[in-house]
Amino acid sequence: MKSLKTAVAAIMIAGGTIAAFAFTKSDKAELLTAQTELHWFSPGGSYLGEKTIAEQEAECPGDNFLCARGYDGENNGAPVGPIRYEAKKAQP
């Protein structure tokens, strides 16, 4: 009987540990590609819309000039989350 209680306790601890890690977000950063869609904001903070990285960089006015910052989301014209990408003019 004592070994049964110990086995049940061990299973409950293992199940709790697995459940805790199963529902946590991974710290691995998502790989960004030219086709990744982000919400873009000008350096001054104006919302520019949702576009791919390639589309936004094609609209940049000059080489090595920061023209927009990309974020995961937008809420009432404000960026949501950390900066994911800083767009500059695409090099030919």
Protein backbone atom coordinates (compact mmCIF):
# COMPACT_ATOMS: atom_id res chain seq x y z
CA MET A 1 0.00 0.00 0.00
CA LYS A 2 2.85 2.37 0.86
CA SER A 3 4.55 1.75 -2.50
CA LEU A 4 1.27 2.49 -4.29
CA LYS A 5 1.00 5.89 -2.59
CA THR A 6 4.62 6.65 -3.48
CA ALA A 7 4.03 5.66 -7.11
CA VAL A 8 0.88 7.81 -7.35
CA ALA A 9 2.72 10.78 -5.81
CA ALA A 10 5.61 10.36 -8.26
CA ILE A 11 3.21 10.22 -11.22
CA MET A 12 1.42 13.36 -10.03
CA ILE A 13 4.70 15.26 -9.65
CA ALA A 14 5.86 14.14 -13.10
CA GLY A 15 2.49 15.04 -14.64
CA GLY A 16 2.55 18.49 -13.05
CA THR A 17 6.07 19.15 -14.31
CA ILE A 18 5.19 18.09 -17.85
CA ALA A 19 2.02 20.21 -17.81
CA ALA A 20 3.93 23.26 -16.60
CA PHE A 21 6.41 23.09 -19.47
CA ALA A 22 3.84 22.12 -22.09
CA PHE A 23 2.04 25.45 -21.78
CA THR A 24 4.99 27.84 -21.59
CA LYS A 25 6.15 29.86 -24.57
CA SER A 26 9.46 28.91 -26.12
CA ASP A 27 12.28 31.45 -25.92
CA LYS A 28 13.43 30.57 -29.42
CA ALA A 29 13.11 33.54 -31.74
CA GLU A 30 11.12 33.02 -34.92
CA LEU A 31 13.26 33.21 -38.02
CA LEU A 32 12.47 36.29 -40.08
CA THR A 33 12.46 36.06 -43.87
CA ALA A 34 11.72 38.59 -46.61
CA GLN A 35 8.15 37.22 -46.67
CA THR A 36 7.51 37.70 -42.93
CA GLU A 37 4.55 40.05 -42.45
CA LEU A 38 4.88 42.68 -39.74
CA HIS A 39 3.08 45.84 -38.66
CA TRP A 40 5.23 48.82 -39.68
CA PHE A 41 5.74 52.18 -38.02
CA SER A 42 7.78 55.14 -39.25
CA PRO A 43 10.68 56.35 -37.05
CA GLY A 44 8.33 59.15 -35.95
CA GLY A 45 5.70 56.63 -34.79
CA SER A 46 3.12 56.80 -37.61
CA TYR A 47 1.46 53.48 -38.50
CA LEU A 48 2.36 52.43 -42.05
CA GLY A 49 0.34 49.20 -42.28
CA GLU A 50 0.96 45.48 -42.49
CA LYS A 51 3.44 44.38 -45.15
CA THR A 52 6.21 41.88 -45.72
CA ILE A 53 9.80 42.87 -44.99
CA ALA A 54 10.56 42.88 -48.73
CA GLU A 55 7.60 45.17 -49.49
CA GLN A 56 8.55 47.64 -46.77
CA GLU A 57 12.23 47.76 -47.75
CA ALA A 58 11.25 48.40 -51.37
CA GLU A 59 9.46 51.57 -50.19
CA CYS A 60 12.47 52.93 -48.26
CA PRO A 61 13.88 56.13 -49.80
CA GLY A 62 17.66 55.58 -49.58
CA ASP A 63 20.49 53.19 -48.72
CA ASN A 64 21.29 52.65 -45.03
CA PHE A 65 18.45 54.96 -43.97
CA LEU A 66 16.13 53.62 -41.29
CA CYS A 67 12.66 54.07 -42.73
CA ALA A 68 10.46 51.81 -40.57
CA ARG A 69 10.35 49.48 -37.60
CA GLY A 70 8.39 46.22 -37.73
CA TYR A 71 6.38 44.79 -34.84
CA ASP A 72 4.24 41.70 -34.31
CA GLY A 73 1.09 43.70 -33.80
CA GLU A 74 -0.69 47.03 -33.65
CA ASN A 75 -3.29 48.34 -31.21
CA ASN A 76 -5.11 51.61 -31.99
CA GLY A 77 -2.13 52.94 -33.95
CA ALA A 78 0.50 51.90 -31.38
CA PRO A 79 3.07 49.11 -31.79
CA VAL A 80 2.62 45.90 -29.82
CA GLY A 81 5.64 43.97 -28.58
CA PRO A 82 9.35 44.47 -29.15
CA ILE A 83 10.89 45.70 -32.40
CA ARG A 84 11.21 42.67 -34.68
CA TYR A 85 12.94 44.31 -37.65
CA GLU A 86 14.33 47.67 -38.74
CA ALA A 87 13.81 48.27 -42.46
CA LYS A 88 16.34 50.01 -44.64
CA LYS A 89 16.49 50.34 -48.42
CA ALA A 90 16.96 46.94 -50.02
CA GLN A 91 20.35 46.61 -51.67
CA PRO A 92 20.12 45.76 -55.42
